[in-house]
Amino acid sequence: MRRASVLLLSMTVFAGCGSSTKHTTTTTRTAPPAAAPSDPNADLRIPAHVPRRAVGDADPRSVKVIAQWLRTLQRGDENGAARYWATGAKFQNATPVLTIDTPIEKLAIQKSLPCGAKIKNAGGPKPFVVLVFTLTQRTGGDCGSGVGGTARGAIRVAHGRIVEWYRLPDDPSQEQPDVAATEGGASA
């Protein structure tokens, strides 16, 4: 998340760089107009490899790691919860897929989740765990009206760490989560 801000700031700063008082040509070229993207929300789509529905049994070791992470977050131990994330983990919560590379980014993910959550249902397909969470208030968060609601997610754990975390639509027949449901207290 911070990397996107730094990248945007860097692009803004660098946009003014590179000018020179020497000109070797007097020809002015006009860039062709940028083509409109065919799907302006393409970067918000859940990647194709992420399961949308629970199928089969979940890996019990992965469920145990997820449950431990949720309990740690529930207690308000955001630093402890951040340690459950692998360096290079992928995270998407009605955002483009973010790559979490630094300890501060891992911590920022914990802080971005206003609710605590308890696992209601967990299933496969492996290596993912497709979950339904019951949302709770958590120490240091503000779940607001989300308390008691549910949210869905697909999480992949490897070597005891979360390596992928995707918010799924509440309705498995939907392709994407409802953005309104992911803002202001309705996310795990």
N, C-alpha and C. Protein backbone atom coordinates (compact mmCIF):
# COMPACT_ATOMS: atom_id res chain seq x y z
N MET A 1 0.83 -1.17 0.00
CA MET A 1 0.00 0.00 0.00
C MET A 1 0.89 1.25 0.00
N ARG A 2 1.87 1.25 0.89
CA ARG A 2 2.76 2.39 0.94
C ARG A 2 3.57 2.46 -0.33
N ARG A 3 3.95 1.27 -0.87
CA ARG A 3 4.73 1.25 -2.09
C ARG A 3 3.98 1.95 -3.22
N ALA A 4 2.67 1.75 -3.30
CA ALA A 4 1.89 2.42 -4.34
C ALA A 4 1.96 3.93 -4.17
N SER A 5 1.90 4.40 -2.92
CA SER A 5 2.00 5.84 -2.67
C SER A 5 3.37 6.36 -3.03
N VAL A 6 4.41 5.59 -2.65
CA VAL A 6 5.78 6.01 -2.96
C VAL A 6 5.98 6.01 -4.47
N LEU A 7 5.47 4.97 -5.15
CA LEU A 7 5.60 4.90 -6.59
C LEU A 7 4.91 6.08 -7.26
N LEU A 8 3.69 6.40 -6.82
CA LEU A 8 2.96 7.52 -7.39
C LEU A 8 3.71 8.83 -7.15
N LEU A 9 4.22 9.01 -5.93
CA LEU A 9 4.99 10.21 -5.63
C LEU A 9 6.24 10.26 -6.49
N SER A 10 6.93 9.13 -6.63
CA SER A 10 8.14 9.09 -7.45
C SER A 10 7.83 9.43 -8.89
N MET A 11 6.72 8.89 -9.41
CA MET A 11 6.36 9.17 -10.79
C MET A 11 6.07 10.66 -10.96
N THR A 12 5.43 11.27 -9.96
CA THR A 12 5.13 12.69 -10.02
C THR A 12 6.41 13.51 -10.01
N VAL A 13 7.34 13.12 -9.12
CA VAL A 13 8.61 13.84 -9.04
C VAL A 13 9.40 13.67 -10.32
N PHE A 14 9.46 12.44 -10.83
CA PHE A 14 10.25 12.18 -12.03
C PHE A 14 9.61 12.75 -13.29
N ALA A 15 8.33 13.05 -13.25
CA ALA A 15 7.67 13.62 -14.43
C ALA A 15 8.28 14.95 -14.81
N GLY A 16 8.78 15.69 -13.83
CA GLY A 16 9.39 16.98 -14.11
C GLY A 16 10.88 16.89 -14.38
N CYS A 17 11.47 15.72 -14.16
CA CYS A 17 12.91 15.54 -14.36
C CYS A 17 13.21 15.20 -15.80
N GLY A 18 14.47 15.34 -16.15
CA GLY A 18 14.91 14.95 -17.48
C GLY A 18 14.88 16.09 -18.47
N SER A 19 14.45 17.27 -18.08
CA SER A 19 14.43 18.41 -18.99
C SER A 19 15.85 18.88 -19.20
N SER A 20 16.10 19.43 -20.35
CA SER A 20 17.43 19.94 -20.66
C SER A 20 17.29 21.27 -21.37
N THR A 21 18.25 22.12 -21.16
CA THR A 21 18.20 23.40 -21.85
C THR A 21 18.73 23.28 -23.26
N LYS A 22 19.42 22.16 -23.58
CA LYS A 22 19.90 21.93 -24.94
C LYS A 22 18.83 21.20 -25.72
N HIS A 23 18.58 21.64 -26.92
CA HIS A 23 17.62 20.97 -27.79
C HIS A 23 18.35 20.61 -29.06
N THR A 24 18.29 19.34 -29.43
CA THR A 24 18.98 18.90 -30.63
C THR A 24 18.05 18.80 -31.81
N THR A 25 16.79 18.99 -31.57
CA THR A 25 15.84 18.93 -32.68
C THR A 25 14.73 19.93 -32.44
N THR A 26 14.13 20.36 -33.52
CA THR A 26 13.03 21.30 -33.40
C THR A 26 11.71 20.62 -33.74
N THR A 27 11.76 19.35 -34.04
CA THR A 27 10.55 18.62 -34.37
C THR A 27 9.79 18.30 -33.09
N THR A 28 8.52 18.61 -33.08
CA THR A 28 7.68 18.28 -31.93
C THR A 28 6.84 17.09 -32.29
N ARG A 29 6.92 16.10 -31.45
CA ARG A 29 6.11 14.90 -31.68
C ARG A 29 4.99 14.87 -30.67
N THR A 30 3.85 14.50 -31.13
CA THR A 30 2.69 14.36 -30.26
C THR A 30 2.46 12.88 -30.04
N ALA A 31 2.37 12.51 -28.78
CA ALA A 31 2.11 11.10 -28.45
C ALA A 31 0.71 10.75 -28.91
N PRO A 32 0.55 9.52 -29.40
CA PRO A 32 -0.80 9.11 -29.78
C PRO A 32 -1.69 9.07 -28.55
N PRO A 33 -2.96 9.32 -28.72
CA PRO A 33 -3.85 9.28 -27.56
C PRO A 33 -3.84 7.89 -26.93
N ALA A 34 -3.86 7.87 -25.62
CA ALA A 34 -3.86 6.59 -24.91
C ALA A 34 -5.18 5.88 -25.17
N ALA A 35 -5.07 4.61 -25.46
CA ALA A 35 -6.27 3.82 -25.69
C ALA A 35 -6.98 3.61 -24.35
N ALA A 36 -8.26 3.76 -24.36
CA ALA A 36 -9.04 3.53 -23.15
C ALA A 36 -8.96 2.04 -22.81
N PRO A 37 -8.73 1.71 -21.54
CA PRO A 37 -8.68 0.29 -21.19
C PRO A 37 -10.03 -0.36 -21.44
N SER A 38 -9.98 -1.60 -21.89
CA SER A 38 -11.24 -2.29 -22.17
C SER A 38 -12.02 -2.55 -20.89
N ASP A 39 -11.32 -2.70 -19.78
CA ASP A 39 -11.98 -2.90 -18.49
C ASP A 39 -11.27 -2.04 -17.45
N PRO A 40 -11.86 -0.89 -17.09
CA PRO A 40 -11.18 0.00 -16.15
C PRO A 40 -10.99 -0.61 -14.76
N ASN A 41 -11.69 -1.69 -14.45
CA ASN A 41 -11.56 -2.33 -13.14
C ASN A 41 -10.73 -3.61 -13.21
N ALA A 42 -10.02 -3.82 -14.29
CA ALA A 42 -9.28 -5.08 -14.47
C ALA A 42 -8.31 -5.33 -13.33
N ASP A 43 -7.65 -4.29 -12.83
CA ASP A 43 -6.67 -4.51 -11.76
C ASP A 43 -7.32 -4.81 -10.42
N LEU A 44 -8.64 -4.68 -10.33
CA LEU A 44 -9.36 -5.01 -9.09
C LEU A 44 -9.91 -6.43 -9.10
N ARG A 45 -9.82 -7.09 -10.23
CA ARG A 45 -10.36 -8.45 -10.34
C ARG A 45 -9.53 -9.43 -9.53
N ILE A 46 -10.22 -10.38 -8.93
CA ILE A 46 -9.56 -11.46 -8.22
C ILE A 46 -8.83 -12.30 -9.26
N PRO A 47 -7.57 -12.62 -9.03
CA PRO A 47 -6.82 -13.42 -10.00
C PRO A 47 -7.51 -14.75 -10.31
N ALA A 48 -7.34 -15.21 -11.53
CA ALA A 48 -8.03 -16.42 -12.00
C ALA A 48 -7.68 -17.66 -11.19
N HIS A 49 -6.48 -17.75 -10.63
CA HIS A 49 -6.08 -18.96 -9.90
C HIS A 49 -6.70 -19.06 -8.51
N VAL A 50 -7.39 -18.03 -8.06
CA VAL A 50 -7.95 -18.01 -6.71
C VAL A 50 -9.35 -18.65 -6.74
N PRO A 51 -9.56 -19.69 -5.91
CA PRO A 51 -10.89 -20.33 -5.89
C PRO A 51 -11.94 -19.39 -5.30
N ARG A 52 -13.14 -19.48 -5.83
CA ARG A 52 -14.25 -18.64 -5.36
C ARG A 52 -15.16 -19.38 -4.39
N ARG A 53 -15.12 -20.71 -4.43
CA ARG A 53 -16.01 -21.54 -3.60
C ARG A 53 -15.20 -22.60 -2.86
N ALA A 54 -15.70 -22.97 -1.68
CA ALA A 54 -15.08 -24.06 -0.94
C ALA A 54 -15.44 -25.38 -1.59
N VAL A 55 -14.42 -26.19 -1.83
CA VAL A 55 -14.60 -27.51 -2.41
C VAL A 55 -13.70 -28.47 -1.65
N GLY A 56 -14.29 -29.46 -1.01
CA GLY A 56 -13.49 -30.42 -0.27
C GLY A 56 -13.05 -29.88 1.08
N ASP A 57 -12.18 -30.65 1.69
CA ASP A 57 -11.70 -30.29 3.02
C ASP A 57 -10.55 -29.30 2.95
N ALA A 58 -10.47 -28.46 3.95
CA ALA A 58 -9.35 -27.53 4.07
C ALA A 58 -8.18 -28.25 4.72
N ASP A 59 -6.98 -27.79 4.43
CA ASP A 59 -5.79 -28.31 5.08
C ASP A 59 -5.82 -27.88 6.54
N PRO A 60 -5.85 -28.84 7.49
CA PRO A 60 -5.97 -28.46 8.90
C PRO A 60 -4.80 -27.62 9.41
N ARG A 61 -3.59 -27.84 8.90
CA ARG A 61 -2.44 -27.02 9.33
C ARG A 61 -2.62 -25.58 8.89
N SER A 62 -3.15 -25.37 7.69
CA SER A 62 -3.40 -24.00 7.22
C SER A 62 -4.49 -23.33 8.03
N VAL A 63 -5.56 -24.07 8.33
CA VAL A 63 -6.65 -23.52 9.15
C VAL A 63 -6.11 -23.13 10.53
N LYS A 64 -5.23 -23.94 11.09
CA LYS A 64 -4.65 -23.64 12.40
C LYS A 64 -3.86 -22.34 12.36
N VAL A 65 -3.05 -22.13 11.32
CA VAL A 65 -2.27 -20.88 11.20
C VAL A 65 -3.22 -19.69 11.07
N ILE A 66 -4.25 -19.83 10.24
CA ILE A 66 -5.21 -18.73 10.05
C ILE A 66 -5.92 -18.41 11.36
N ALA A 67 -6.34 -19.44 12.08
CA ALA A 67 -7.03 -19.23 13.37
C ALA A 67 -6.09 -18.55 14.38
N GLN A 68 -4.83 -18.94 14.42
CA GLN A 68 -3.87 -18.30 15.31
C GLN A 68 -3.67 -16.83 14.94
N TRP A 69 -3.55 -16.56 13.65
CA TRP A 69 -3.42 -15.18 13.18
C TRP A 69 -4.63 -14.36 13.61
N LEU A 70 -5.83 -14.91 13.41
CA LEU A 70 -7.05 -14.18 13.77
C LEU A 70 -7.12 -13.91 15.27
N ARG A 71 -6.74 -14.88 16.09
CA ARG A 71 -6.74 -14.68 17.55
C ARG A 71 -5.75 -13.58 17.95
N THR A 72 -4.60 -13.58 17.30
CA THR A 72 -3.58 -12.56 17.60
C THR A 72 -4.10 -11.17 17.21
N LEU A 73 -4.72 -11.07 16.04
CA LEU A 73 -5.30 -9.80 15.60
C LEU A 73 -6.44 -9.38 16.53
N GLN A 74 -7.26 -10.34 16.94
CA GLN A 74 -8.40 -10.08 17.83
C GLN A 74 -7.96 -9.41 19.13
N ARG A 75 -6.81 -9.85 19.64
CA ARG A 75 -6.26 -9.28 20.88
C ARG A 75 -5.69 -7.88 20.67
N GLY A 76 -5.62 -7.44 19.43
CA GLY A 76 -5.06 -6.13 19.13
C GLY A 76 -3.55 -6.15 18.97
N ASP A 77 -2.96 -7.33 18.91
CA ASP A 77 -1.52 -7.46 18.73
C ASP A 77 -1.20 -7.42 17.24
N GLU A 78 -1.23 -6.21 16.69
CA GLU A 78 -1.02 -6.05 15.25
C GLU A 78 0.40 -6.44 14.84
N ASN A 79 1.39 -6.16 15.69
CA ASN A 79 2.77 -6.57 15.39
C ASN A 79 2.88 -8.08 15.35
N GLY A 80 2.27 -8.75 16.32
CA GLY A 80 2.27 -10.21 16.34
C GLY A 80 1.54 -10.78 15.13
N ALA A 81 0.41 -10.18 14.77
CA ALA A 81 -0.36 -10.64 13.61
C ALA A 81 0.45 -10.46 12.33
N ALA A 82 1.22 -9.39 12.25
CA ALA A 82 2.04 -9.14 11.06
C ALA A 82 3.08 -10.23 10.85
N ARG A 83 3.52 -10.87 11.93
CA ARG A 83 4.52 -11.93 11.81
C ARG A 83 3.97 -13.19 11.15
N TYR A 84 2.67 -13.29 10.99
CA TYR A 84 2.07 -14.44 10.30
C TYR A 84 2.14 -14.30 8.78
N TRP A 85 2.60 -13.16 8.28
CA TRP A 85 2.64 -12.91 6.84
C TRP A 85 4.04 -13.15 6.30
N ALA A 86 4.10 -13.85 5.18
CA ALA A 86 5.38 -14.09 4.50
C ALA A 86 5.80 -12.83 3.77
N THR A 87 7.10 -12.65 3.66
CA THR A 87 7.62 -11.56 2.83
C THR A 87 7.29 -11.93 1.38
N GLY A 88 6.74 -10.97 0.65
CA GLY A 88 6.31 -11.22 -0.73
C GLY A 88 4.88 -11.71 -0.83
N ALA A 89 4.15 -11.73 0.30
CA ALA A 89 2.76 -12.19 0.28
C ALA A 89 1.92 -11.29 -0.62
N LYS A 90 0.86 -11.87 -1.17
CA LYS A 90 -0.11 -11.13 -2.00
C LYS A 90 -1.34 -10.85 -1.14
N PHE A 91 -1.87 -9.63 -1.29
CA PHE A 91 -3.04 -9.21 -0.51
C PHE A 91 -3.96 -8.42 -1.42
N GLN A 92 -5.25 -8.74 -1.36
CA GLN A 92 -6.24 -8.00 -2.14
C GLN A 92 -7.53 -7.91 -1.35
N ASN A 93 -7.98 -6.67 -1.11
CA ASN A 93 -9.22 -6.43 -0.38
C ASN A 93 -9.92 -5.26 -1.08
N ALA A 94 -10.55 -5.56 -2.23
CA ALA A 94 -11.17 -4.54 -3.09
C ALA A 94 -10.12 -3.52 -3.53
N THR A 95 -8.92 -4.00 -3.73
CA THR A 95 -7.78 -3.20 -4.19
C THR A 95 -7.12 -3.99 -5.31
N PRO A 96 -6.17 -3.38 -6.01
CA PRO A 96 -5.32 -4.21 -6.85
C PRO A 96 -4.57 -5.20 -5.95
N VAL A 97 -4.03 -6.26 -6.52
CA VAL A 97 -3.23 -7.19 -5.74
C VAL A 97 -1.96 -6.47 -5.30
N LEU A 98 -1.75 -6.44 -3.99
CA LEU A 98 -0.58 -5.79 -3.42
C LEU A 98 0.44 -6.85 -3.02
N THR A 99 1.71 -6.56 -3.19
CA THR A 99 2.78 -7.43 -2.73
C THR A 99 3.34 -6.83 -1.46
N ILE A 100 3.36 -7.63 -0.41
CA ILE A 100 3.76 -7.17 0.91
C ILE A 100 5.21 -7.60 1.15
N ASP A 101 6.13 -6.66 1.05
CA ASP A 101 7.55 -6.98 1.09
C ASP A 101 8.27 -6.59 2.37
N THR A 102 7.74 -5.67 3.13
CA THR A 102 8.48 -5.15 4.27
C THR A 102 7.68 -5.32 5.56
N PRO A 103 8.36 -5.28 6.70
CA PRO A 103 7.64 -5.36 7.98
C PRO A 103 6.59 -4.26 8.13
N ILE A 104 6.88 -3.05 7.66
CA ILE A 104 5.91 -1.96 7.80
C ILE A 104 4.67 -2.23 6.93
N GLU A 105 4.86 -2.85 5.77
CA GLU A 105 3.71 -3.20 4.93
C GLU A 105 2.88 -4.31 5.58
N LYS A 106 3.55 -5.27 6.21
CA LYS A 106 2.83 -6.33 6.92
C LYS A 106 1.99 -5.73 8.04
N LEU A 107 2.56 -4.78 8.77
CA LEU A 107 1.83 -4.11 9.84
C LEU A 107 0.67 -3.29 9.28
N ALA A 108 0.89 -2.62 8.16
CA ALA A 108 -0.18 -1.81 7.55
C ALA A 108 -1.38 -2.67 7.17
N ILE A 109 -1.14 -3.89 6.73
CA ILE A 109 -2.25 -4.79 6.40
C ILE A 109 -3.09 -5.05 7.65
N GLN A 110 -2.46 -5.31 8.78
CA GLN A 110 -3.20 -5.58 10.02
C GLN A 110 -4.03 -4.36 10.40
N LYS A 111 -3.44 -3.19 10.29
CA LYS A 111 -4.13 -1.96 10.65
C LYS A 111 -5.29 -1.66 9.69
N SER A 112 -5.22 -2.18 8.46
CA SER A 112 -6.27 -1.92 7.48
C SER A 112 -7.52 -2.77 7.73
N LEU A 113 -7.43 -3.73 8.62
CA LEU A 113 -8.55 -4.62 8.90
C LEU A 113 -9.25 -4.15 10.18
N PRO A 114 -10.37 -3.45 10.05
CA PRO A 114 -11.01 -2.86 11.22
C PRO A 114 -11.69 -3.88 12.13
N CYS A 115 -12.01 -5.04 11.60
CA CYS A 115 -12.73 -6.05 12.37
C CYS A 115 -11.81 -7.19 12.75
N GLY A 116 -12.18 -7.85 13.83
CA GLY A 116 -11.64 -9.15 14.12
C GLY A 116 -12.53 -10.16 13.41
N ALA A 117 -12.17 -11.42 13.47
CA ALA A 117 -13.00 -12.43 12.81
C ALA A 117 -12.74 -13.79 13.43
N LYS A 118 -13.78 -14.61 13.36
CA LYS A 118 -13.67 -16.01 13.77
C LYS A 118 -14.07 -16.85 12.57
N ILE A 119 -13.41 -17.97 12.42
CA ILE A 119 -13.71 -18.85 11.29
C ILE A 119 -15.06 -19.52 11.53
N LYS A 120 -15.96 -19.35 10.59
CA LYS A 120 -17.28 -20.00 10.65
C LYS A 120 -17.25 -21.30 9.86
N ASN A 121 -16.72 -21.24 8.64
CA ASN A 121 -16.59 -22.41 7.77
C ASN A 121 -15.26 -22.33 7.04
N ALA A 122 -14.66 -23.48 6.79
CA ALA A 122 -13.41 -23.53 6.04
C ALA A 122 -13.41 -24.77 5.15
N GLY A 123 -13.01 -24.57 3.92
CA GLY A 123 -12.91 -25.69 2.98
C GLY A 123 -11.76 -25.47 2.02
N GLY A 124 -11.58 -26.44 1.14
CA GLY A 124 -10.54 -26.35 0.11
C GLY A 124 -11.06 -25.51 -1.04
N PRO A 125 -10.47 -25.61 -2.19
CA PRO A 125 -9.48 -26.59 -2.61
C PRO A 125 -8.07 -26.20 -2.19
N LYS A 126 -7.31 -27.21 -1.81
CA LYS A 126 -5.93 -26.98 -1.44
C LYS A 126 -5.16 -26.50 -2.66
N PRO A 127 -4.18 -25.63 -2.53
CA PRO A 127 -3.52 -25.19 -1.32
C PRO A 127 -4.22 -24.02 -0.63
N PHE A 128 -5.34 -23.57 -1.15
CA PHE A 128 -6.08 -22.47 -0.53
C PHE A 128 -7.03 -23.00 0.54
N VAL A 129 -7.40 -22.09 1.43
CA VAL A 129 -8.50 -22.32 2.36
C VAL A 129 -9.53 -21.25 2.02
N VAL A 130 -10.73 -21.68 1.64
CA VAL A 130 -11.82 -20.75 1.36
C VAL A 130 -12.65 -20.70 2.63
N LEU A 131 -12.78 -19.48 3.17
CA LEU A 131 -13.38 -19.30 4.49
C LEU A 131 -14.61 -18.41 4.48
N VAL A 132 -15.46 -18.65 5.44
CA VAL A 132 -16.49 -17.70 5.82
C VAL A 132 -16.12 -17.27 7.24
N PHE A 133 -16.00 -15.98 7.44
CA PHE A 133 -15.65 -15.42 8.75
C PHE A 133 -16.88 -14.78 9.37
N THR A 134 -17.02 -14.89 10.68
CA THR A 134 -17.98 -14.08 11.42
C THR A 134 -17.19 -12.90 11.97
N LEU A 135 -17.62 -11.70 11.65
CA LEU A 135 -16.90 -10.49 12.03
C LEU A 135 -17.17 -10.12 13.49
N THR A 136 -16.12 -9.68 14.15
CA THR A 136 -16.19 -9.32 15.57
C THR A 136 -15.49 -7.97 15.78
N GLN A 137 -15.75 -7.38 16.91
CA GLN A 137 -14.96 -6.21 17.31
C GLN A 137 -13.59 -6.73 17.71
N ARG A 138 -12.57 -5.94 17.51
CA ARG A 138 -11.24 -6.33 17.95
C ARG A 138 -10.58 -5.17 18.67
N THR A 139 -9.68 -5.47 19.57
CA THR A 139 -8.93 -4.45 20.27
C THR A 139 -8.14 -3.64 19.25
N GLY A 140 -8.30 -2.32 19.29
CA GLY A 140 -7.58 -1.44 18.37
C GLY A 140 -8.27 -1.23 17.04
N GLY A 141 -9.40 -1.86 16.81
CA GLY A 141 -10.13 -1.71 15.55
C GLY A 141 -11.49 -1.08 15.80
N ASP A 142 -12.20 -0.82 14.74
CA ASP A 142 -13.56 -0.29 14.85
C ASP A 142 -14.42 -0.97 13.80
N CYS A 143 -15.00 -2.07 14.17
CA CYS A 143 -15.80 -2.86 13.23
C CYS A 143 -17.17 -2.24 12.99
N GLY A 144 -17.61 -1.36 13.87
CA GLY A 144 -18.88 -0.67 13.68
C GLY A 144 -20.04 -1.63 13.47
N SER A 145 -20.83 -1.36 12.44
CA SER A 145 -22.02 -2.18 12.18
C SER A 145 -21.68 -3.53 11.56
N GLY A 146 -20.40 -3.78 11.29
CA GLY A 146 -19.99 -5.06 10.71
C GLY A 146 -20.05 -6.21 11.71
N VAL A 147 -20.05 -5.91 13.02
CA VAL A 147 -20.04 -6.95 14.04
C VAL A 147 -21.22 -7.89 13.82
N GLY A 148 -20.91 -9.19 13.78
CA GLY A 148 -21.94 -10.22 13.60
C GLY A 148 -22.17 -10.57 12.14
N GLY A 149 -21.71 -9.74 11.23
CA GLY A 149 -21.84 -10.04 9.81
C GLY A 149 -20.82 -11.09 9.40
N THR A 150 -20.86 -11.44 8.14
CA THR A 150 -19.89 -12.41 7.64
C THR A 150 -19.12 -11.81 6.47
N ALA A 151 -17.98 -12.40 6.22
CA ALA A 151 -17.16 -12.05 5.06
C ALA A 151 -16.53 -13.34 4.58
N ARG A 152 -16.15 -13.36 3.31
CA ARG A 152 -15.52 -14.54 2.73
C ARG A 152 -14.11 -14.20 2.27
N GLY A 153 -13.25 -15.19 2.30
CA GLY A 153 -11.90 -14.98 1.84
C GLY A 153 -11.27 -16.27 1.36
N ALA A 154 -10.22 -16.12 0.57
CA ALA A 154 -9.40 -17.25 0.14
C ALA A 154 -7.98 -16.95 0.61
N ILE A 155 -7.44 -17.84 1.41
CA ILE A 155 -6.12 -17.64 2.00
C ILE A 155 -5.26 -18.86 1.69
N ARG A 156 -4.02 -18.59 1.31
CA ARG A 156 -3.06 -19.68 1.10
C ARG A 156 -1.93 -19.51 2.11
N VAL A 157 -1.62 -20.60 2.78
CA VAL A 157 -0.57 -20.64 3.79
C VAL A 157 0.53 -21.57 3.29
N ALA A 158 1.77 -21.15 3.46
CA ALA A 158 2.91 -22.01 3.15
C ALA A 158 3.97 -21.81 4.23
N HIS A 159 4.52 -22.89 4.73
CA HIS A 159 5.57 -22.84 5.74
C HIS A 159 5.15 -22.02 6.97
N GLY A 160 3.87 -22.15 7.35
CA GLY A 160 3.37 -21.48 8.54
C GLY A 160 3.12 -19.99 8.40
N ARG A 161 3.13 -19.47 7.18
CA ARG A 161 2.91 -18.04 6.93
C ARG A 161 1.84 -17.85 5.85
N ILE A 162 1.12 -16.75 5.97
CA ILE A 162 0.13 -16.39 4.95
C ILE A 162 0.89 -15.87 3.73
N VAL A 163 0.66 -16.49 2.58
CA VAL A 163 1.34 -16.06 1.36
C VAL A 163 0.38 -15.43 0.35
N GLU A 164 -0.92 -15.68 0.51
CA GLU A 164 -1.94 -15.03 -0.33
C GLU A 164 -3.20 -14.85 0.49
N TRP A 165 -3.84 -13.66 0.34
CA TRP A 165 -5.07 -13.34 1.06
C TRP A 165 -5.95 -12.53 0.11
N TYR A 166 -7.12 -13.07 -0.20
CA TYR A 166 -8.04 -12.40 -1.13
C TYR A 166 -9.43 -12.32 -0.51
N ARG A 167 -10.02 -11.14 -0.55
CA ARG A 167 -11.41 -10.96 -0.12
C ARG A 167 -12.29 -11.46 -1.24
N LEU A 168 -13.19 -12.37 -0.93
CA LEU A 168 -14.12 -12.94 -1.91
C LEU A 168 -15.48 -12.28 -1.77
N PRO A 169 -16.27 -12.31 -2.84
CA PRO A 169 -17.64 -11.78 -2.75
C PRO A 169 -18.44 -12.57 -1.71
N ASP A 170 -19.35 -11.87 -1.04
CA ASP A 170 -20.21 -12.55 -0.07
C ASP A 170 -21.07 -13.60 -0.75
N ASP A 171 -21.47 -13.34 -1.97
CA ASP A 171 -22.26 -14.27 -2.77
C ASP A 171 -21.29 -14.99 -3.72
N PRO A 172 -21.10 -16.30 -3.54
CA PRO A 172 -20.13 -17.02 -4.38
C PRO A 172 -20.42 -16.95 -5.88
N SER A 173 -21.65 -16.59 -6.27
CA SER A 173 -21.95 -16.48 -7.70
C SER A 173 -21.45 -15.17 -8.29
N GLN A 174 -21.09 -14.20 -7.43
CA GLN A 174 -20.54 -12.93 -7.91
C GLN A 174 -19.07 -13.12 -8.27
N GLU A 175 -18.61 -12.36 -9.25
CA GLU A 175 -17.20 -12.42 -9.64
C GLU A 175 -16.32 -11.61 -8.71
N GLN A 176 -16.82 -10.48 -8.22
CA GLN A 176 -16.02 -9.57 -7.41
C GLN A 176 -16.75 -9.20 -6.13
N PRO A 177 -16.00 -8.87 -5.07
CA PRO A 177 -16.64 -8.39 -3.84
C PRO A 177 -17.32 -7.06 -4.08
N ASP A 178 -18.36 -6.81 -3.34
CA ASP A 178 -19.03 -5.52 -3.38
C ASP A 178 -18.14 -4.53 -2.63
N VAL A 179 -17.68 -3.48 -3.31
CA VAL A 179 -16.76 -2.51 -2.71
C VAL A 179 -17.34 -1.91 -1.45
N ALA A 180 -18.63 -1.62 -1.43
CA ALA A 180 -19.25 -1.02 -0.26
C ALA A 180 -19.14 -1.95 0.94
N ALA A 181 -19.16 -3.25 0.70
CA ALA A 181 -19.09 -4.21 1.80
C ALA A 181 -17.68 -4.34 2.35
N THR A 182 -16.68 -3.88 1.61
CA THR A 182 -15.31 -4.01 2.09
C THR A 182 -14.82 -2.75 2.77
N GLU A 183 -15.60 -1.68 2.75
CA GLU A 183 -15.19 -0.43 3.37
C GLU A 183 -15.90 -0.23 4.69
N GLY A 184 -15.22 0.38 5.62
CA GLY A 184 -15.86 0.82 6.87
C GLY A 184 -16.38 -0.28 7.75
N GLY A 185 -15.61 -1.36 7.90
CA GLY A 185 -15.99 -2.31 8.93
C GLY A 185 -16.57 -3.60 8.47
N ALA A 186 -16.54 -3.92 7.21
CA ALA A 186 -17.11 -5.20 6.82
C ALA A 186 -16.05 -6.15 6.29
N SER A 187 -14.80 -5.95 6.63
CA SER A 187 -13.73 -6.85 6.21
C SER A 187 -13.12 -7.50 7.42
N ALA A 188 -12.70 -8.73 7.24
CA ALA A 188 -12.05 -9.45 8.35
C ALA A 188 -10.78 -8.75 8.74
